[in-house]
PDB file of N, CA and C in Angstrom:
ATOM      1  N   MET A   1     -35.700 -17.492  27.309  1.00  0.00           N
ATOM      2  CA  MET A   1     -35.340 -16.341  26.487  1.00  0.00           C
ATOM      3  C   MET A   1     -35.630 -16.663  25.018  1.00  0.00           C
ATOM      4  N   GLN A   2     -36.269 -15.744  24.351  1.00  0.00           N
ATOM      5  CA  GLN A   2     -36.616 -15.913  22.947  1.00  0.00           C
ATOM      6  C   GLN A   2     -35.384 -15.679  22.073  1.00  0.00           C
ATOM      7  N   PRO A   3     -35.191 -16.508  21.041  1.00  0.00           N
ATOM      8  CA  PRO A   3     -34.037 -16.301  20.153  1.00  0.00           C
ATOM      9  C   PRO A   3     -34.116 -14.946  19.456  1.00  0.00           C
ATOM     10  N   SER A   4     -32.959 -14.377  19.188  1.00  0.00           N
ATOM     11  CA  SER A   4     -32.879 -13.084  18.520  1.00  0.00           C
ATOM     12  C   SER A   4     -33.042 -13.258  17.013  1.00  0.00           C
ATOM     13  N   CYS A   5     -33.654 -12.274  16.389  1.00  0.00           N
ATOM     14  CA  CYS A   5     -33.787 -12.291  14.930  1.00  0.00           C
ATOM     15  C   CYS A   5     -32.542 -11.700  14.258  1.00  0.00           C
ATOM     16  N   TRP A   6     -31.618 -11.153  15.060  1.00  0.00           N
ATOM     17  CA  TRP A   6     -30.422 -10.532  14.507  1.00  0.00           C
ATOM     18  C   TRP A   6     -29.371 -11.590  14.180  1.00  0.00           C
ATOM     19  N   THR A   7     -28.702 -11.413  13.044  1.00  0.00           N
ATOM     20  CA  THR A   7     -27.653 -12.336  12.618  1.00  0.00           C
ATOM     21  C   THR A   7     -26.360 -11.563  12.370  1.00  0.00           C
ATOM     22  N   ARG A   8     -25.315 -12.293  12.013  1.00  0.00           N
ATOM     23  CA  ARG A   8     -24.035 -11.655  11.667  1.00  0.00           C
ATOM     24  C   ARG A   8     -24.207 -10.682  10.515  1.00  0.00           C
ATOM     25  N   TRP A   9     -25.149 -10.959   9.630  1.00  0.00           N
ATOM     26  CA  TRP A   9     -25.361 -10.074   8.483  1.00  0.00           C
ATOM     27  C   TRP A   9     -26.064  -8.790   8.911  1.00  0.00           C
ATOM     28  N   SER A  10     -26.859  -8.857   9.962  1.00  0.00           N
ATOM     29  CA  SER A  10     -27.452  -7.645  10.530  1.00  0.00           C
ATOM     30  C   SER A  10     -26.345  -6.744  11.060  1.00  0.00           C
ATOM     31  N   VAL A  11     -25.384  -7.346  11.747  1.00  0.00           N
ATOM     32  CA  VAL A  11     -24.242  -6.607  12.286  1.00  0.00           C
ATOM     33  C   VAL A  11     -23.441  -5.995  11.149  1.00  0.00           C
ATOM     34  N   TYR A  12     -23.108  -6.804  10.161  1.00  0.00           N
ATOM     35  CA  TYR A  12     -22.317  -6.338   9.020  1.00  0.00           C
ATOM     36  C   TYR A  12     -23.007  -5.170   8.317  1.00  0.00           C
ATOM     37  N   GLU A  13     -24.297  -5.310   8.036  1.00  0.00           N
ATOM     38  CA  GLU A  13     -25.022  -4.260   7.320  1.00  0.00           C
ATOM     39  C   GLU A  13     -25.116  -2.976   8.139  1.00  0.00           C
ATOM     40  N   TYR A  14     -25.337  -3.100   9.446  1.00  0.00           N
ATOM     41  CA  TYR A  14     -25.383  -1.912  10.288  1.00  0.00           C
ATOM     42  C   TYR A  14     -24.028  -1.215  10.278  1.00  0.00           C
ATOM     43  N   MET A  15     -22.953  -1.990  10.445  1.00  0.00           N
ATOM     44  CA  MET A  15     -21.612  -1.415  10.471  1.00  0.00           C
ATOM     45  C   MET A  15     -21.277  -0.747   9.140  1.00  0.00           C
ATOM     46  N   LYS A  16     -21.641  -1.409   8.044  1.00  0.00           N
ATOM     47  CA  LYS A  16     -21.367  -0.856   6.715  1.00  0.00           C
ATOM     48  C   LYS A  16     -22.102   0.465   6.520  1.00  0.00           C
ATOM     49  N   ARG A  17     -23.367   0.492   6.848  1.00  0.00           N
ATOM     50  CA  ARG A  17     -24.171   1.703   6.668  1.00  0.00           C
ATOM     51  C   ARG A  17     -23.626   2.848   7.529  1.00  0.00           C
ATOM     52  N   ARG A  18     -23.300   2.530   8.776  1.00  0.00           N
ATOM     53  CA  ARG A  18     -22.772   3.547   9.696  1.00  0.00           C
ATOM     54  C   ARG A  18     -21.451   4.099   9.182  1.00  0.00           C
ATOM     55  N   PHE A  19     -20.595   3.225   8.668  1.00  0.00           N
ATOM     56  CA  PHE A  19     -19.297   3.654   8.167  1.00  0.00           C
ATOM     57  C   PHE A  19     -19.449   4.512   6.915  1.00  0.00           C
ATOM     58  N   VAL A  20     -20.297   4.096   6.004  1.00  0.00           N
ATOM     59  CA  VAL A  20     -20.499   4.851   4.765  1.00  0.00           C
ATOM     60  C   VAL A  20     -21.088   6.225   5.064  1.00  0.00           C
ATOM     61  N   CYS A  21     -22.000   6.303   6.017  1.00  0.00           N
ATOM     62  CA  CYS A  21     -22.662   7.571   6.331  1.00  0.00           C
ATOM     63  C   CYS A  21     -21.811   8.522   7.161  1.00  0.00           C
ATOM     64  N   THR A  22     -20.954   7.979   8.019  1.00  0.00           N
ATOM     65  CA  THR A  22     -20.244   8.845   8.962  1.00  0.00           C
ATOM     66  C   THR A  22     -18.731   8.749   8.899  1.00  0.00           C
ATOM     67  N   GLY A  23     -18.215   7.699   8.276  1.00  0.00           N
ATOM     68  CA  GLY A  23     -16.772   7.475   8.282  1.00  0.00           C
ATOM     69  C   GLY A  23     -16.289   6.881   9.591  1.00  0.00           C
ATOM     70  N   GLN A  24     -17.212   6.535  10.482  1.00  0.00           N
ATOM     71  CA  GLN A  24     -16.867   5.960  11.779  1.00  0.00           C
ATOM     72  C   GLN A  24     -17.327   4.516  11.853  1.00  0.00           C
ATOM     73  N   VAL A  25     -16.507   3.695  12.480  1.00  0.00           N
ATOM     74  CA  VAL A  25     -16.855   2.299  12.693  1.00  0.00           C
ATOM     75  C   VAL A  25     -17.493   2.184  14.077  1.00  0.00           C
ATOM     76  N   PRO A  26     -18.721   1.668  14.150  1.00  0.00           N
ATOM     77  CA  PRO A  26     -19.366   1.554  15.452  1.00  0.00           C
ATOM     78  C   PRO A  26     -18.650   0.545  16.346  1.00  0.00           C
ATOM     79  N   ASP A  27     -18.677   0.815  17.655  1.00  0.00           N
ATOM     80  CA  ASP A  27     -18.047  -0.114  18.581  1.00  0.00           C
ATOM     81  C   ASP A  27     -19.083  -1.132  19.079  1.00  0.00           C
ATOM     82  N   GLU A  28     -18.603  -2.081  19.866  1.00  0.00           N
ATOM     83  CA  GLU A  28     -19.461  -3.156  20.350  1.00  0.00           C
ATOM     84  C   GLU A  28     -20.634  -2.626  21.188  1.00  0.00           C
ATOM     85  N   THR A  29     -20.396  -1.603  21.975  1.00  0.00           N
ATOM     86  CA  THR A  29     -21.456  -1.023  22.804  1.00  0.00           C
ATOM     87  C   THR A  29     -22.596  -0.494  21.937  1.00  0.00           C
ATOM     88  N   GLU A  30     -22.255   0.228  20.879  1.00  0.00           N
ATOM     89  CA  GLU A  30     -23.283   0.753  19.969  1.00  0.00           C
ATOM     90  C   GLU A  30     -24.042  -0.382  19.297  1.00  0.00           C
ATOM     91  N   LEU A  31     -23.316  -1.398  18.872  1.00  0.00           N
ATOM     92  CA  LEU A  31     -23.967  -2.528  18.206  1.00  0.00           C
ATOM     93  C   LEU A  31     -24.948  -3.235  19.138  1.00  0.00           C
ATOM     94  N   LEU A  32     -24.558  -3.398  20.396  1.00  0.00           N
ATOM     95  CA  LEU A  32     -25.453  -4.049  21.358  1.00  0.00           C
ATOM     96  C   LEU A  32     -26.701  -3.207  21.625  1.00  0.00           C
ATOM     97  N   GLU A  33     -26.574  -1.886  21.552  1.00  0.00           N
ATOM     98  CA  GLU A  33     -27.740  -1.015  21.718  1.00  0.00           C
ATOM     99  C   GLU A  33     -28.665  -1.097  20.507  1.00  0.00           C
ATOM    100  N   GLU A  34     -28.077  -1.168  19.323  1.00  0.00           N
ATOM    101  CA  GLU A  34     -28.863  -1.186  18.084  1.00  0.00           C
ATOM    102  C   GLU A  34     -29.455  -2.558  17.773  1.00  0.00           C
ATOM    103  N   LEU A  35     -28.798  -3.605  18.215  1.00  0.00           N
ATOM    104  CA  LEU A  35     -29.227  -4.970  17.914  1.00  0.00           C
ATOM    105  C   LEU A  35     -29.443  -5.729  19.233  1.00  0.00           C
ATOM    106  N   PRO A  36     -30.492  -5.386  19.957  1.00  0.00           N
ATOM    107  CA  PRO A  36     -30.695  -5.987  21.274  1.00  0.00           C
ATOM    108  C   PRO A  36     -30.886  -7.500  21.192  1.00  0.00           C
ATOM    109  N   ASN A  37     -30.394  -8.177  22.204  1.00  0.00           N
ATOM    110  CA  ASN A  37     -30.529  -9.632  22.356  1.00  0.00           C
ATOM    111  C   ASN A  37     -29.796 -10.441  21.296  1.00  0.00           C
ATOM    112  N   ILE A  38     -28.851  -9.835  20.576  1.00  0.00           N
ATOM    113  CA  ILE A  38     -28.107 -10.593  19.579  1.00  0.00           C
ATOM    114  C   ILE A  38     -27.200 -11.606  20.278  1.00  0.00           C
ATOM    115  N   ASP A  39     -27.079 -12.763  19.705  1.00  0.00           N
ATOM    116  CA  ASP A  39     -26.179 -13.783  20.210  1.00  0.00           C
ATOM    117  C   ASP A  39     -24.742 -13.283  20.058  1.00  0.00           C
ATOM    118  N   ARG A  40     -23.938 -13.469  21.080  1.00  0.00           N
ATOM    119  CA  ARG A  40     -22.561 -12.945  21.067  1.00  0.00           C
ATOM    120  C   ARG A  40     -21.727 -13.527  19.925  1.00  0.00           C
ATOM    121  N   SER A  41     -21.971 -14.769  19.565  1.00  0.00           N
ATOM    122  CA  SER A  41     -21.204 -15.352  18.454  1.00  0.00           C
ATOM    123  C   SER A  41     -21.587 -14.690  17.133  1.00  0.00           C
ATOM    124  N   GLU A  42     -22.862 -14.358  16.959  1.00  0.00           N
ATOM    125  CA  GLU A  42     -23.305 -13.649  15.751  1.00  0.00           C
ATOM    126  C   GLU A  42     -22.696 -12.251  15.710  1.00  0.00           C
ATOM    127  N   LEU A  43     -22.652 -11.591  16.861  1.00  0.00           N
ATOM    128  CA  LEU A  43     -22.049 -10.263  16.944  1.00  0.00           C
ATOM    129  C   LEU A  43     -20.579 -10.315  16.546  1.00  0.00           C
ATOM    130  N   SER A  44     -19.856 -11.254  17.106  1.00  0.00           N
ATOM    131  CA  SER A  44     -18.421 -11.399  16.808  1.00  0.00           C
ATOM    132  C   SER A  44     -18.181 -11.714  15.340  1.00  0.00           C
ATOM    133  N   GLU A  45     -18.981 -12.609  14.787  1.00  0.00           N
ATOM    134  CA  GLU A  45     -18.829 -12.986  13.377  1.00  0.00           C
ATOM    135  C   GLU A  45     -19.123 -11.809  12.447  1.00  0.00           C
ATOM    136  N   GLY A  46     -20.156 -11.037  12.754  1.00  0.00           N
ATOM    137  CA  GLY A  46     -20.495  -9.872  11.935  1.00  0.00           C
ATOM    138  C   GLY A  46     -19.405  -8.813  11.974  1.00  0.00           C
ATOM    139  N   MET A  47     -18.858  -8.583  13.164  1.00  0.00           N
ATOM    140  CA  MET A  47     -17.774  -7.609  13.308  1.00  0.00           C
ATOM    141  C   MET A  47     -16.539  -8.077  12.544  1.00  0.00           C
ATOM    142  N   ALA A  48     -16.233  -9.354  12.632  1.00  0.00           N
ATOM    143  CA  ALA A  48     -15.073  -9.913  11.927  1.00  0.00           C
ATOM    144  C   ALA A  48     -15.255  -9.795  10.415  1.00  0.00           C
ATOM    145  N   GLU A  49     -16.448 -10.069   9.925  1.00  0.00           N
ATOM    146  CA  GLU A  49     -16.729  -9.969   8.487  1.00  0.00           C
ATOM    147  C   GLU A  49     -16.550  -8.534   8.003  1.00  0.00           C
ATOM    148  N   PHE A  50     -17.045  -7.573   8.779  1.00  0.00           N
ATOM    149  CA  PHE A  50     -16.888  -6.174   8.398  1.00  0.00           C
ATOM    150  C   PHE A  50     -15.415  -5.784   8.353  1.00  0.00           C
ATOM    151  N   ARG A  51     -14.660  -6.175   9.368  1.00  0.00           N
ATOM    152  CA  ARG A  51     -13.226  -5.851   9.402  1.00  0.00           C
ATOM    153  C   ARG A  51     -12.485  -6.490   8.231  1.00  0.00           C
ATOM    154  N   LEU A  52     -12.898  -7.701   7.862  1.00  0.00           N
ATOM    155  CA  LEU A  52     -12.281  -8.381   6.726  1.00  0.00           C
ATOM    156  C   LEU A  52     -12.512  -7.595   5.433  1.00  0.00           C
ATOM    157  N   ILE A  53     -13.713  -7.121   5.231  1.00  0.00           N
ATOM    158  CA  ILE A  53     -14.049  -6.353   4.031  1.00  0.00           C
ATOM    159  C   ILE A  53     -13.404  -4.968   4.075  1.00  0.00           C
ATOM    160  N   LEU A  54     -13.434  -4.331   5.242  1.00  0.00           N
ATOM    161  CA  LEU A  54     -12.871  -2.991   5.382  1.00  0.00           C
ATOM    162  C   LEU A  54     -11.369  -2.985   5.118  1.00  0.00           C
ATOM    163  N   GLY A  55     -10.690  -4.013   5.581  1.00  0.00           N
ATOM    164  CA  GLY A  55      -9.248  -4.119   5.362  1.00  0.00           C
ATOM    165  C   GLY A  55      -8.503  -2.914   5.880  1.00  0.00           C
ATOM    166  N   ASP A  56      -7.637  -2.364   5.064  1.00  0.00           N
ATOM    167  CA  ASP A  56      -6.816  -1.217   5.443  1.00  0.00           C
ATOM    168  C   ASP A  56      -7.361   0.075   4.861  1.00  0.00           C
ATOM    169  N   TRP A  57      -8.670   0.164   4.756  1.00  0.00           N
ATOM    170  CA  TRP A  57      -9.292   1.369   4.209  1.00  0.00           C
ATOM    171  C   TRP A  57      -8.768   2.589   4.966  1.00  0.00           C
ATOM    172  N   PRO A  58      -8.381   3.619   4.243  1.00  0.00           N
ATOM    173  CA  PRO A  58      -7.846   4.818   4.922  1.00  0.00           C
ATOM    174  C   PRO A  58      -8.960   5.628   5.575  1.00  0.00           C
ATOM    175  N   ILE A  59      -9.209   5.379   6.842  1.00  0.00           N
ATOM    176  CA  ILE A  59     -10.280   6.065   7.559  1.00  0.00           C
ATOM    177  C   ILE A  59      -9.918   7.522   7.816  1.00  0.00           C
ATOM    178  N   ALA A  60      -8.719   7.789   8.282  1.00  0.00           N
ATOM    179  CA  ALA A  60      -8.319   9.163   8.592  1.00  0.00           C
ATOM    180  C   ALA A  60      -8.288   9.992   7.316  1.00  0.00           C
ATOM    181  N   GLY A  61      -8.971  11.106   7.337  1.00  0.00           N
ATOM    182  CA  GLY A  61      -8.974  12.009   6.196  1.00  0.00           C
ATOM    183  C   GLY A  61      -9.971  11.655   5.117  1.00  0.00           C
ATOM    184  N   SER A  62     -10.709  10.542   5.281  1.00  0.00           N
ATOM    185  CA  SER A  62     -11.694  10.164   4.275  1.00  0.00           C
ATOM    186  C   SER A  62     -12.890  11.098   4.342  1.00  0.00           C
ATOM    187  N   VAL A  63     -13.447  11.408   3.197  1.00  0.00           N
ATOM    188  CA  VAL A  63     -14.651  12.227   3.139  1.00  0.00           C
ATOM    189  C   VAL A  63     -15.785  11.323   2.698  1.00  0.00           C
ATOM    190  N   LEU A  64     -16.676  11.034   3.634  1.00  0.00           N
ATOM    191  CA  LEU A  64     -17.799  10.165   3.347  1.00  0.00           C
ATOM    192  C   LEU A  64     -19.060  10.848   3.829  1.00  0.00           C
ATOM    193  N   SER A  65     -20.126  10.740   3.069  1.00  0.00           N
ATOM    194  CA  SER A  65     -21.373  11.363   3.485  1.00  0.00           C
ATOM    195  C   SER A  65     -22.556  10.702   2.808  1.00  0.00           C
ATOM    196  N   CYS A  66     -23.653  10.624   3.525  1.00  0.00           N
ATOM    197  CA  CYS A  66     -24.901  10.099   2.949  1.00  0.00           C
ATOM    198  C   CYS A  66     -25.795  11.216   2.451  1.00  0.00           C
ATOM    199  N   SER A  67     -25.422  12.448   2.713  1.00  0.00           N
ATOM    200  CA  SER A  67     -26.258  13.561   2.280  1.00  0.00           C
ATOM    201  C   SER A  67     -25.837  14.008   0.884  1.00  0.00           C
ATOM    202  N   TYR A  68     -26.787  14.531   0.161  1.00  0.00           N
ATOM    203  CA  TYR A  68     -26.529  14.990  -1.191  1.00  0.00           C
ATOM    204  C   TYR A  68     -26.816  16.489  -1.275  1.00  0.00           C
ATOM    205  N   ASP A  69     -25.905  17.229  -1.878  1.00  0.00           N
ATOM    206  CA  ASP A  69     -26.132  18.660  -2.067  1.00  0.00           C
ATOM    207  C   ASP A  69     -26.916  18.867  -3.360  1.00  0.00           C
ATOM    208  N   ALA A  70     -27.984  19.622  -3.268  1.00  0.00           N
ATOM    209  CA  ALA A  70     -28.813  19.860  -4.464  1.00  0.00           C
ATOM    210  C   ALA A  70     -28.402  21.132  -5.152  1.00  0.00           C
TER     211      ALA A  70
END
């Protein structure tokens, strides 16, 4: 099996972008679909890093969007 090019930082960046754009935190299933062949330890570390940064951010009721109104 060829080593994966995905790292914990790939996981963190994907989770951050998804959260900023949608207000939703992706689950492990979504991450495995988006980052195929990632090492499970890298996946776990990336998820942990995101949760550490996210902290107690108030997800419910937050208004987040990547679109801009012109």
